[in-house]
Amino acid sequence: MTPAVIQLAAEAAERQSAEVTEVGARIAWVVGLVVFIAFVYWLMRQGWKWRGALQNDLPELPTTPDGLPDHRLALTGRYHGSTTAGQWLDRIVAHGLGVRSRVELTLTDAGLDVVRPGAGDFFVPAAQLRGARLDKGIAGKVLTEGGLLVVTWAHGDKLIDSGFRSDRAAEHAAWVEAINLMNPSITTEGAER
């Protein structure tokens, strides 16, 4: 080896890099980040509970009556939530309407039966159905145009939009037609069908 190489090797051995992180500082940052994330989740939960408290004037949801007539249509898919009619970002969380879940929809002459495994089931009487349409979004879920079946119904003094997506999206058009034909004289938001 040449003396220059030996000298460079000696200088390199003498140089040591400064310690980049201290274990204590790293632990403090990790603990701080975990506390911050927990605080944000707590705030979100408080907001959800506050929204539910504001909507406590909404009556209890009707349950499925005994002896339903034969079904016109049946659908399996996802329930994406309910909002105030016409306001697709105003989610309704009272009585579990804000909880997403799998869904089994059954349309009969008596109304719309909504069975949600893992969440509360409810029934919309035919007289309360106001219409259906294809849309692209509801609070927290945006899909392609026409990818969401939105059913408008009356509950108490409030009009509600509930969003569903079938496992087979081609079924949506038949649902819109069937629901809109159930109560042809009822108006929604001032527009008669």
N, C-alpha and C. Protein backbone atom coordinates (compact mmCIF):
# COMPACT_ATOMS: atom_id res chain seq x y z
N MET A 1 0.83 -1.17 0.00
CA MET A 1 0.00 0.00 0.00
C MET A 1 0.88 1.24 0.00
N THR A 2 0.36 2.20 -0.61
CA THR A 2 1.09 3.47 -0.68
C THR A 2 0.85 4.26 0.58
N PRO A 3 1.81 5.14 0.90
CA PRO A 3 1.64 5.93 2.12
C PRO A 3 0.39 6.82 2.07
N ALA A 4 -0.05 7.27 0.93
CA ALA A 4 -1.24 8.12 0.82
C ALA A 4 -2.49 7.34 1.20
N VAL A 5 -2.56 6.09 0.77
CA VAL A 5 -3.72 5.25 1.07
C VAL A 5 -3.74 4.95 2.56
N ILE A 6 -2.56 4.68 3.14
CA ILE A 6 -2.48 4.40 4.57
C ILE A 6 -2.93 5.61 5.37
N GLN A 7 -2.51 6.78 4.95
CA GLN A 7 -2.88 8.01 5.65
C GLN A 7 -4.39 8.24 5.55
N LEU A 8 -4.99 8.03 4.39
CA LEU A 8 -6.44 8.20 4.22
C LEU A 8 -7.20 7.22 5.10
N ALA A 9 -6.70 5.98 5.20
CA ALA A 9 -7.36 4.98 6.04
C ALA A 9 -7.28 5.37 7.50
N ALA A 10 -6.15 5.92 7.93
CA ALA A 10 -5.99 6.34 9.32
C ALA A 10 -6.92 7.51 9.63
N GLU A 11 -7.02 8.48 8.69
CA GLU A 11 -7.91 9.63 8.91
C GLU A 11 -9.37 9.17 8.96
N ALA A 12 -9.72 8.22 8.14
CA ALA A 12 -11.10 7.72 8.12
C ALA A 12 -11.43 7.01 9.43
N ALA A 13 -10.46 6.28 9.98
CA ALA A 13 -10.68 5.59 11.24
C ALA A 13 -10.84 6.57 12.39
N GLU A 14 -10.15 7.72 12.32
CA GLU A 14 -10.25 8.71 13.38
C GLU A 14 -11.59 9.44 13.34
N ARG A 15 -12.10 9.64 12.13
CA ARG A 15 -13.38 10.34 12.00
C ARG A 15 -14.51 9.38 12.36
N GLN A 16 -15.41 9.86 13.15
CA GLN A 16 -16.60 9.08 13.48
C GLN A 16 -17.80 10.00 13.27
N SER A 17 -18.84 9.43 12.78
CA SER A 17 -20.02 10.27 12.57
C SER A 17 -20.67 10.57 13.91
N ALA A 18 -21.26 11.72 13.96
CA ALA A 18 -21.98 12.11 15.17
C ALA A 18 -23.23 11.24 15.29
N GLU A 19 -23.65 11.00 16.51
CA GLU A 19 -24.84 10.20 16.73
C GLU A 19 -26.04 10.96 16.17
N VAL A 20 -26.77 10.30 15.29
CA VAL A 20 -27.87 10.97 14.58
C VAL A 20 -29.08 11.13 15.49
N THR A 21 -29.46 10.12 16.19
CA THR A 21 -30.63 10.21 17.06
C THR A 21 -30.30 9.67 18.43
N GLU A 22 -31.04 10.19 19.37
CA GLU A 22 -30.93 9.67 20.72
C GLU A 22 -32.17 8.82 20.97
N VAL A 23 -32.01 7.73 21.64
CA VAL A 23 -33.11 6.82 21.89
C VAL A 23 -34.21 7.51 22.69
N GLY A 24 -33.85 8.28 23.68
CA GLY A 24 -34.84 8.98 24.50
C GLY A 24 -35.68 9.95 23.68
N ALA A 25 -35.03 10.69 22.79
CA ALA A 25 -35.76 11.65 21.95
C ALA A 25 -36.70 10.91 20.99
N ARG A 26 -36.23 9.80 20.45
CA ARG A 26 -37.07 9.03 19.52
C ARG A 26 -38.30 8.48 20.25
N ILE A 27 -38.11 7.95 21.44
CA ILE A 27 -39.24 7.42 22.21
C ILE A 27 -40.22 8.54 22.54
N ALA A 28 -39.72 9.71 22.90
CA ALA A 28 -40.60 10.84 23.21
C ALA A 28 -41.43 11.24 21.99
N TRP A 29 -40.82 11.26 20.81
CA TRP A 29 -41.56 11.60 19.59
C TRP A 29 -42.63 10.55 19.29
N VAL A 30 -42.30 9.27 19.44
CA VAL A 30 -43.27 8.21 19.17
C VAL A 30 -44.44 8.29 20.14
N VAL A 31 -44.15 8.48 21.43
CA VAL A 31 -45.21 8.60 22.43
C VAL A 31 -46.07 9.82 22.13
N GLY A 32 -45.44 10.94 21.80
CA GLY A 32 -46.19 12.15 21.47
C GLY A 32 -47.10 11.96 20.27
N LEU A 33 -46.60 11.26 19.25
CA LEU A 33 -47.41 11.00 18.06
C LEU A 33 -48.60 10.10 18.38
N VAL A 34 -48.38 9.07 19.19
CA VAL A 34 -49.47 8.17 19.57
C VAL A 34 -50.53 8.92 20.37
N VAL A 35 -50.10 9.78 21.29
CA VAL A 35 -51.05 10.58 22.08
C VAL A 35 -51.84 11.52 21.16
N PHE A 36 -51.18 12.13 20.19
CA PHE A 36 -51.85 13.03 19.26
C PHE A 36 -52.90 12.28 18.43
N ILE A 37 -52.55 11.11 17.92
CA ILE A 37 -53.50 10.31 17.13
C ILE A 37 -54.69 9.89 17.99
N ALA A 38 -54.43 9.47 19.23
CA ALA A 38 -55.52 9.09 20.13
C ALA A 38 -56.43 10.29 20.40
N PHE A 39 -55.86 11.48 20.55
CA PHE A 39 -56.64 12.69 20.79
C PHE A 39 -57.53 13.01 19.58
N VAL A 40 -56.98 12.87 18.38
CA VAL A 40 -57.77 13.13 17.16
C VAL A 40 -58.93 12.14 17.06
N TYR A 41 -58.69 10.85 17.33
CA TYR A 41 -59.77 9.87 17.30
C TYR A 41 -60.82 10.19 18.36
N TRP A 42 -60.40 10.62 19.53
CA TRP A 42 -61.34 10.99 20.58
C TRP A 42 -62.21 12.16 20.13
N LEU A 43 -61.60 13.16 19.49
CA LEU A 43 -62.36 14.30 18.98
C LEU A 43 -63.38 13.86 17.92
N MET A 44 -62.98 12.95 17.04
CA MET A 44 -63.91 12.46 16.02
C MET A 44 -65.08 11.73 16.66
N ARG A 45 -64.81 10.94 17.68
CA ARG A 45 -65.89 10.22 18.38
C ARG A 45 -66.82 11.19 19.08
N GLN A 46 -66.26 12.22 19.71
CA GLN A 46 -67.09 13.23 20.36
C GLN A 46 -67.97 13.94 19.34
N GLY A 47 -67.43 14.23 18.16
CA GLY A 47 -68.21 14.87 17.10
C GLY A 47 -69.35 13.98 16.64
N TRP A 48 -69.09 12.68 16.52
CA TRP A 48 -70.12 11.72 16.12
C TRP A 48 -71.24 11.68 17.16
N LYS A 49 -70.85 11.64 18.45
CA LYS A 49 -71.85 11.61 19.52
C LYS A 49 -72.64 12.92 19.57
N TRP A 50 -71.97 14.04 19.33
CA TRP A 50 -72.63 15.34 19.33
C TRP A 50 -73.66 15.41 18.20
N ARG A 51 -73.27 14.91 17.03
CA ARG A 51 -74.20 14.90 15.88
C ARG A 51 -75.42 14.04 16.21
N GLY A 52 -75.21 12.90 16.85
CA GLY A 52 -76.32 12.04 17.25
C GLY A 52 -77.23 12.73 18.25
N ALA A 53 -76.64 13.49 19.18
CA ALA A 53 -77.45 14.22 20.16
C ALA A 53 -78.29 15.30 19.49
N LEU A 54 -77.75 15.94 18.47
CA LEU A 54 -78.50 16.97 17.75
C LEU A 54 -79.67 16.37 16.98
N GLN A 55 -79.55 15.10 16.61
CA GLN A 55 -80.58 14.45 15.80
C GLN A 55 -81.50 13.56 16.64
N ASN A 56 -81.50 13.74 17.96
CA ASN A 56 -82.31 12.86 18.80
C ASN A 56 -83.81 13.11 18.67
N ASP A 57 -84.21 14.15 17.93
CA ASP A 57 -85.63 14.38 17.69
C ASP A 57 -86.19 13.45 16.62
N LEU A 58 -85.33 12.70 15.95
CA LEU A 58 -85.76 11.75 14.93
C LEU A 58 -86.44 10.57 15.62
N PRO A 59 -87.68 10.22 15.23
CA PRO A 59 -88.38 9.11 15.89
C PRO A 59 -87.65 7.78 15.68
N GLU A 60 -88.01 6.80 16.51
CA GLU A 60 -87.45 5.46 16.35
C GLU A 60 -87.79 4.92 14.97
N LEU A 61 -86.90 4.12 14.43
CA LEU A 61 -87.12 3.54 13.11
C LEU A 61 -88.15 2.42 13.18
N PRO A 62 -89.05 2.34 12.19
CA PRO A 62 -90.02 1.25 12.20
C PRO A 62 -89.34 -0.10 11.95
N THR A 63 -89.90 -1.14 12.53
CA THR A 63 -89.36 -2.48 12.34
C THR A 63 -90.21 -3.23 11.30
N THR A 64 -89.67 -4.31 10.82
CA THR A 64 -90.35 -5.08 9.79
C THR A 64 -91.62 -5.71 10.35
N PRO A 65 -92.77 -5.46 9.72
CA PRO A 65 -94.01 -6.07 10.20
C PRO A 65 -94.03 -7.57 9.88
N ASP A 66 -94.84 -8.30 10.62
CA ASP A 66 -95.00 -9.73 10.37
C ASP A 66 -95.83 -9.94 9.11
N GLY A 67 -95.56 -11.00 8.41
CA GLY A 67 -96.36 -11.38 7.25
C GLY A 67 -96.24 -10.43 6.07
N LEU A 68 -95.01 -10.14 5.67
CA LEU A 68 -94.82 -9.29 4.49
C LEU A 68 -95.31 -10.00 3.24
N PRO A 69 -95.90 -9.26 2.30
CA PRO A 69 -96.29 -9.89 1.03
C PRO A 69 -95.05 -10.31 0.25
N ASP A 70 -95.28 -11.05 -0.83
CA ASP A 70 -94.16 -11.49 -1.67
C ASP A 70 -93.36 -10.30 -2.16
N HIS A 71 -92.07 -10.52 -2.30
CA HIS A 71 -91.21 -9.40 -2.69
C HIS A 71 -91.26 -9.15 -4.19
N ARG A 72 -91.14 -7.88 -4.53
CA ARG A 72 -91.03 -7.47 -5.94
C ARG A 72 -89.58 -7.59 -6.39
N LEU A 73 -88.69 -7.06 -5.56
CA LEU A 73 -87.26 -7.06 -5.87
C LEU A 73 -86.47 -7.39 -4.61
N ALA A 74 -85.31 -7.99 -4.79
CA ALA A 74 -84.39 -8.24 -3.68
C ALA A 74 -82.99 -7.88 -4.14
N LEU A 75 -82.19 -7.43 -3.20
CA LEU A 75 -80.85 -6.95 -3.54
C LEU A 75 -79.93 -7.21 -2.36
N THR A 76 -78.70 -7.59 -2.63
CA THR A 76 -77.67 -7.65 -1.60
C THR A 76 -76.56 -6.69 -2.02
N GLY A 77 -75.96 -6.07 -1.04
CA GLY A 77 -74.90 -5.11 -1.34
C GLY A 77 -74.42 -4.41 -0.10
N ARG A 78 -74.22 -3.09 -0.20
CA ARG A 78 -73.73 -2.29 0.92
C ARG A 78 -74.65 -1.12 1.18
N TYR A 79 -74.83 -0.85 2.47
CA TYR A 79 -75.55 0.34 2.91
C TYR A 79 -74.48 1.37 3.25
N HIS A 80 -74.54 2.54 2.61
CA HIS A 80 -73.50 3.55 2.80
C HIS A 80 -73.89 4.68 3.73
N GLY A 81 -75.12 4.70 4.22
CA GLY A 81 -75.51 5.72 5.17
C GLY A 81 -76.72 6.50 4.69
N SER A 82 -77.18 7.38 5.58
CA SER A 82 -78.34 8.21 5.29
C SER A 82 -78.00 9.66 5.55
N THR A 83 -78.61 10.54 4.76
CA THR A 83 -78.40 11.98 4.91
C THR A 83 -79.75 12.68 4.84
N THR A 84 -79.74 13.95 5.21
CA THR A 84 -80.92 14.77 5.00
C THR A 84 -81.14 14.88 3.49
N ALA A 85 -82.38 14.71 3.05
CA ALA A 85 -82.67 14.70 1.61
C ALA A 85 -82.18 15.98 0.95
N GLY A 86 -81.48 15.80 -0.16
CA GLY A 86 -80.97 16.93 -0.93
C GLY A 86 -79.66 17.49 -0.42
N GLN A 87 -79.19 17.03 0.73
CA GLN A 87 -77.92 17.52 1.30
C GLN A 87 -77.00 16.32 1.50
N TRP A 88 -76.30 15.95 0.47
CA TRP A 88 -75.57 14.68 0.45
C TRP A 88 -74.41 14.61 1.45
N LEU A 89 -74.04 15.71 2.08
CA LEU A 89 -72.97 15.67 3.08
C LEU A 89 -73.49 15.74 4.52
N ASP A 90 -74.79 15.93 4.72
CA ASP A 90 -75.36 16.05 6.06
C ASP A 90 -75.78 14.67 6.58
N ARG A 91 -74.80 13.92 7.05
CA ARG A 91 -75.03 12.53 7.49
C ARG A 91 -75.93 12.50 8.72
N ILE A 92 -76.84 11.52 8.72
CA ILE A 92 -77.70 11.27 9.88
C ILE A 92 -77.10 10.09 10.63
N VAL A 93 -76.79 10.28 11.91
CA VAL A 93 -76.18 9.20 12.70
C VAL A 93 -77.13 8.64 13.75
N ALA A 94 -78.25 9.32 14.01
CA ALA A 94 -79.19 8.86 15.03
C ALA A 94 -79.75 7.49 14.65
N HIS A 95 -79.99 6.67 15.66
CA HIS A 95 -80.58 5.34 15.51
C HIS A 95 -79.77 4.42 14.60
N GLY A 96 -78.47 4.66 14.49
CA GLY A 96 -77.60 3.79 13.71
C GLY A 96 -77.66 4.01 12.20
N LEU A 97 -78.33 5.07 11.75
CA LEU A 97 -78.43 5.31 10.31
C LEU A 97 -77.10 5.73 9.69
N GLY A 98 -76.12 6.11 10.50
CA GLY A 98 -74.83 6.52 9.96
C GLY A 98 -73.83 5.39 9.85
N VAL A 99 -74.21 4.20 10.30
CA VAL A 99 -73.29 3.06 10.32
C VAL A 99 -73.33 2.32 8.99
N ARG A 100 -72.18 2.22 8.34
CA ARG A 100 -72.10 1.45 7.09
C ARG A 100 -72.13 -0.03 7.40
N SER A 101 -72.70 -0.80 6.46
CA SER A 101 -72.78 -2.24 6.68
C SER A 101 -73.17 -2.94 5.38
N ARG A 102 -73.12 -4.25 5.43
CA ARG A 102 -73.71 -5.05 4.36
C ARG A 102 -75.22 -4.85 4.46
N VAL A 103 -75.94 -5.12 3.38
CA VAL A 103 -77.38 -4.93 3.41
C VAL A 103 -78.08 -5.95 2.53
N GLU A 104 -79.27 -6.31 2.95
CA GLU A 104 -80.19 -7.10 2.13
C GLU A 104 -81.47 -6.28 2.03
N LEU A 105 -81.76 -5.78 0.84
CA LEU A 105 -82.96 -4.98 0.61
C LEU A 105 -84.04 -5.86 0.00
N THR A 106 -85.26 -5.66 0.47
CA THR A 106 -86.40 -6.36 -0.12
C THR A 106 -87.50 -5.34 -0.32
N LEU A 107 -87.96 -5.22 -1.55
CA LEU A 107 -89.06 -4.31 -1.87
C LEU A 107 -90.33 -5.13 -2.03
N THR A 108 -91.34 -4.80 -1.23
CA THR A 108 -92.64 -5.46 -1.31
C THR A 108 -93.71 -4.39 -1.50
N ASP A 109 -94.96 -4.82 -1.66
CA ASP A 109 -96.05 -3.85 -1.76
C ASP A 109 -96.23 -3.09 -0.45
N ALA A 110 -95.76 -3.66 0.66
CA ALA A 110 -95.88 -3.00 1.96
C ALA A 110 -94.79 -1.96 2.19
N GLY A 111 -93.67 -2.08 1.50
CA GLY A 111 -92.59 -1.12 1.68
C GLY A 111 -91.22 -1.73 1.44
N LEU A 112 -90.22 -1.06 1.98
CA LEU A 112 -88.82 -1.44 1.77
C LEU A 112 -88.25 -1.98 3.08
N ASP A 113 -87.84 -3.25 3.06
CA ASP A 113 -87.25 -3.89 4.24
C ASP A 113 -85.73 -3.82 4.11
N VAL A 114 -85.08 -3.20 5.10
CA VAL A 114 -83.63 -3.02 5.09
C VAL A 114 -83.05 -3.87 6.22
N VAL A 115 -82.39 -4.96 5.85
CA VAL A 115 -81.78 -5.87 6.83
C VAL A 115 -80.28 -5.65 6.77
N ARG A 116 -79.71 -5.22 7.91
CA ARG A 116 -78.28 -4.91 7.97
C ARG A 116 -77.60 -5.78 9.02
N PRO A 117 -76.93 -6.85 8.62
CA PRO A 117 -76.21 -7.67 9.59
C PRO A 117 -75.15 -6.84 10.32
N GLY A 118 -75.18 -6.88 11.63
CA GLY A 118 -74.21 -6.13 12.42
C GLY A 118 -74.65 -4.71 12.72
N ALA A 119 -75.79 -4.29 12.21
CA ALA A 119 -76.33 -2.95 12.47
C ALA A 119 -77.85 -3.10 12.58
N GLY A 120 -78.51 -2.03 12.99
CA GLY A 120 -79.95 -2.09 13.19
C GLY A 120 -80.73 -2.16 11.89
N ASP A 121 -81.68 -3.10 11.83
CA ASP A 121 -82.56 -3.21 10.66
C ASP A 121 -83.67 -2.17 10.78
N PHE A 122 -84.25 -1.82 9.65
CA PHE A 122 -85.42 -0.94 9.68
C PHE A 122 -86.30 -1.20 8.47
N PHE A 123 -87.51 -0.66 8.53
CA PHE A 123 -88.50 -0.86 7.48
C PHE A 123 -89.06 0.49 7.09
N VAL A 124 -89.19 0.72 5.79
CA VAL A 124 -89.78 1.96 5.29
C VAL A 124 -91.12 1.59 4.67
N PRO A 125 -92.24 1.99 5.31
CA PRO A 125 -93.55 1.68 4.73
C PRO A 125 -93.70 2.31 3.35
N ALA A 126 -94.49 1.67 2.50
CA ALA A 126 -94.66 2.14 1.12
C ALA A 126 -95.17 3.58 1.07
N ALA A 127 -96.02 3.95 2.01
CA ALA A 127 -96.56 5.31 2.02
C ALA A 127 -95.49 6.35 2.33
N GLN A 128 -94.38 5.93 2.93
CA GLN A 128 -93.31 6.86 3.28
C GLN A 128 -92.25 6.98 2.19
N LEU A 129 -92.24 6.07 1.23
CA LEU A 129 -91.27 6.13 0.13
C LEU A 129 -91.60 7.32 -0.76
N ARG A 130 -90.60 8.13 -1.04
CA ARG A 130 -90.81 9.33 -1.86
C ARG A 130 -90.17 9.23 -3.24
N GLY A 131 -89.27 8.29 -3.42
CA GLY A 131 -88.66 8.13 -4.73
C GLY A 131 -87.28 7.51 -4.63
N ALA A 132 -86.71 7.27 -5.80
CA ALA A 132 -85.36 6.71 -5.87
C ALA A 132 -84.67 7.30 -7.09
N ARG A 133 -83.36 7.34 -7.03
CA ARG A 133 -82.58 7.86 -8.14
C ARG A 133 -81.19 7.23 -8.10
N LEU A 134 -80.50 7.35 -9.22
CA LEU A 134 -79.10 6.94 -9.27
C LEU A 134 -78.26 8.18 -9.04
N ASP A 135 -77.26 8.06 -8.22
CA ASP A 135 -76.41 9.21 -7.89
C ASP A 135 -74.98 8.73 -7.81
N LYS A 136 -74.08 9.69 -7.55
CA LYS A 136 -72.67 9.31 -7.47
C LYS A 136 -72.10 9.42 -6.07
N GLY A 137 -72.85 9.99 -5.12
CA GLY A 137 -72.26 10.11 -3.80
C GLY A 137 -73.26 10.35 -2.70
N ILE A 138 -72.83 9.99 -1.50
CA ILE A 138 -73.54 10.27 -0.26
C ILE A 138 -72.44 10.42 0.78
N ALA A 139 -72.72 11.08 1.88
CA ALA A 139 -71.70 11.43 2.87
C ALA A 139 -70.68 10.33 3.09
N GLY A 140 -69.44 10.62 2.75
CA GLY A 140 -68.35 9.68 2.99
C GLY A 140 -68.13 8.67 1.88
N LYS A 141 -68.93 8.68 0.83
CA LYS A 141 -68.75 7.70 -0.24
C LYS A 141 -69.07 8.35 -1.58
N VAL A 142 -68.09 8.35 -2.47
CA VAL A 142 -68.29 8.88 -3.82
C VAL A 142 -67.91 7.78 -4.81
N LEU A 143 -68.80 7.53 -5.75
CA LEU A 143 -68.60 6.49 -6.75
C LEU A 143 -68.71 7.10 -8.14
N THR A 144 -68.66 6.26 -9.14
CA THR A 144 -68.86 6.75 -10.50
C THR A 144 -70.31 7.19 -10.65
N GLU A 145 -70.58 8.01 -11.64
CA GLU A 145 -71.94 8.51 -11.88
C GLU A 145 -72.91 7.34 -12.02
N GLY A 146 -73.98 7.37 -11.24
CA GLY A 146 -74.98 6.30 -11.29
C GLY A 146 -74.60 5.05 -10.52
N GLY A 147 -73.54 5.09 -9.75
CA GLY A 147 -73.08 3.91 -9.03
C GLY A 147 -73.75 3.69 -7.69
N LEU A 148 -74.64 4.60 -7.30
CA LEU A 148 -75.26 4.52 -5.99
C LEU A 148 -76.77 4.63 -6.14
N LEU A 149 -77.51 3.72 -5.51
CA LEU A 149 -78.97 3.78 -5.48
C LEU A 149 -79.35 4.60 -4.26
N VAL A 150 -79.99 5.74 -4.47
CA VAL A 150 -80.40 6.61 -3.36
C VAL A 150 -81.92 6.57 -3.26
N VAL A 151 -82.42 6.13 -2.10
CA VAL A 151 -83.86 6.05 -1.86
C VAL A 151 -84.24 7.19 -0.92
N THR A 152 -85.22 7.99 -1.34
CA THR A 152 -85.71 9.10 -0.52
C THR A 152 -86.99 8.63 0.17
N TRP A 153 -87.05 8.87 1.49
CA TRP A 153 -88.21 8.45 2.27
C TRP A 153 -88.46 9.44 3.40
N ALA A 154 -89.69 9.46 3.88
CA ALA A 154 -90.09 10.37 4.95
C ALA A 154 -90.06 9.61 6.27
N HIS A 155 -89.52 10.28 7.28
CA HIS A 155 -89.51 9.71 8.63
C HIS A 155 -89.77 10.85 9.60
N GLY A 156 -90.91 10.79 10.27
CA GLY A 156 -91.30 11.93 11.09
C GLY A 156 -91.57 13.10 10.17
N ASP A 157 -90.99 14.24 10.49
CA ASP A 157 -91.17 15.42 9.64
C ASP A 157 -89.94 15.67 8.76
N LYS A 158 -89.12 14.65 8.59
CA LYS A 158 -87.86 14.81 7.86
C LYS A 158 -87.81 13.90 6.64
N LEU A 159 -87.30 14.43 5.53
CA LEU A 159 -87.04 13.61 4.35
C LEU A 159 -85.60 13.11 4.43
N ILE A 160 -85.41 11.83 4.17
CA ILE A 160 -84.10 11.19 4.32
C ILE A 160 -83.71 10.52 3.01
N ASP A 161 -82.45 10.67 2.63
CA ASP A 161 -81.86 9.94 1.51
C ASP A 161 -80.99 8.83 2.08
N SER A 162 -81.22 7.59 1.67
CA SER A 162 -80.38 6.47 2.09
C SER A 162 -79.69 5.91 0.87
N GLY A 163 -78.37 5.68 0.99
CA GLY A 163 -77.57 5.22 -0.14
C GLY A 163 -77.22 3.75 -0.06
N PHE A 164 -77.46 3.05 -1.16
CA PHE A 164 -77.18 1.62 -1.26
C PHE A 164 -76.38 1.36 -2.54
N ARG A 165 -75.55 0.35 -2.49
CA ARG A 165 -74.84 -0.09 -3.70
C ARG A 165 -74.99 -1.60 -3.79
N SER A 166 -75.58 -2.04 -4.87
CA SER A 166 -75.81 -3.47 -5.08
C SER A 166 -74.50 -4.16 -5.45
N ASP A 167 -74.42 -5.44 -5.14
CA ASP A 167 -73.28 -6.24 -5.59
C ASP A 167 -73.28 -6.33 -7.12
N ARG A 168 -74.46 -6.16 -7.71
CA ARG A 168 -74.62 -6.15 -9.17
C ARG A 168 -75.27 -4.82 -9.55
N ALA A 169 -74.45 -3.85 -9.91
CA ALA A 169 -74.92 -2.48 -10.15
C ALA A 169 -75.96 -2.39 -11.26
N ALA A 170 -76.04 -3.37 -12.13
CA ALA A 170 -77.04 -3.35 -13.21
C ALA A 170 -78.46 -3.41 -12.66
N GLU A 171 -78.63 -3.85 -11.40
CA GLU A 171 -79.95 -3.93 -10.78
C GLU A 171 -80.51 -2.56 -10.41
N HIS A 172 -79.67 -1.57 -10.28
CA HIS A 172 -80.10 -0.26 -9.78
C HIS A 172 -81.26 0.34 -10.57
N ALA A 173 -81.22 0.26 -11.89
CA ALA A 173 -82.25 0.89 -12.72
C ALA A 173 -83.63 0.29 -12.44
N ALA A 174 -83.71 -1.02 -12.26
CA ALA A 174 -84.99 -1.66 -11.95
C ALA A 174 -85.53 -1.19 -10.61
N TRP A 175 -84.64 -0.99 -9.64
CA TRP A 175 -85.05 -0.50 -8.33
C TRP A 175 -85.60 0.92 -8.42
N VAL A 176 -84.92 1.77 -9.16
CA VAL A 176 -85.38 3.15 -9.31
C VAL A 176 -86.78 3.17 -9.92
N GLU A 177 -86.98 2.39 -10.97
CA GLU A 177 -88.29 2.36 -11.63
C GLU A 177 -89.37 1.82 -10.70
N ALA A 178 -89.09 0.73 -10.00
CA ALA A 178 -90.09 0.11 -9.13
C ALA A 178 -90.48 1.02 -7.97
N ILE A 179 -89.51 1.67 -7.35
CA ILE A 179 -89.82 2.55 -6.21
C ILE A 179 -90.57 3.79 -6.69
N ASN A 180 -90.16 4.35 -7.81
CA ASN A 180 -90.83 5.55 -8.32
C ASN A 180 -92.26 5.27 -8.77
N LEU A 181 -92.57 4.04 -9.14
CA LEU A 181 -93.93 3.69 -9.54
C LEU A 181 -94.84 3.38 -8.35
N MET A 182 -94.27 3.18 -7.16
CA MET A 182 -95.08 2.83 -6.00
C MET A 182 -96.00 3.97 -5.56
N ASN A 183 -95.52 5.20 -5.55
CA ASN A 183 -96.30 6.36 -5.14
C ASN A 183 -96.15 7.46 -6.18
N PRO A 184 -96.79 7.33 -7.33
CA PRO A 184 -96.55 8.28 -8.42
C PRO A 184 -97.04 9.70 -8.15
N SER A 185 -97.96 9.89 -7.21
CA SER A 185 -98.50 11.24 -7.00
C SER A 185 -97.76 12.03 -5.94
N ILE A 186 -96.85 11.39 -5.22
CA ILE A 186 -96.12 12.08 -4.15
C ILE A 186 -95.04 12.97 -4.74
N THR A 187 -94.89 14.14 -4.17
CA THR A 187 -93.86 15.06 -4.65
C THR A 187 -92.66 15.02 -3.73
N THR A 188 -91.51 15.30 -4.29
CA THR A 188 -90.27 15.39 -3.53
C THR A 188 -89.64 16.73 -3.83
N GLU A 189 -89.39 17.52 -2.79
CA GLU A 189 -88.75 18.82 -2.94
C GLU A 189 -89.48 19.69 -3.96
N GLY A 190 -90.81 19.65 -3.94
CA GLY A 190 -91.61 20.54 -4.77
C GLY A 190 -91.78 20.11 -6.21
N ALA A 191 -91.19 19.02 -6.63
CA ALA A 191 -91.31 18.58 -8.02
C ALA A 191 -92.17 17.34 -8.08
N GLU A 192 -93.34 17.45 -8.74
CA GLU A 192 -94.23 16.30 -8.84
C GLU A 192 -93.72 15.35 -9.90
N ARG A 193 -93.85 14.06 -9.61
CA ARG A 193 -93.43 13.06 -10.58
C ARG A 193 -94.59 12.68 -11.44
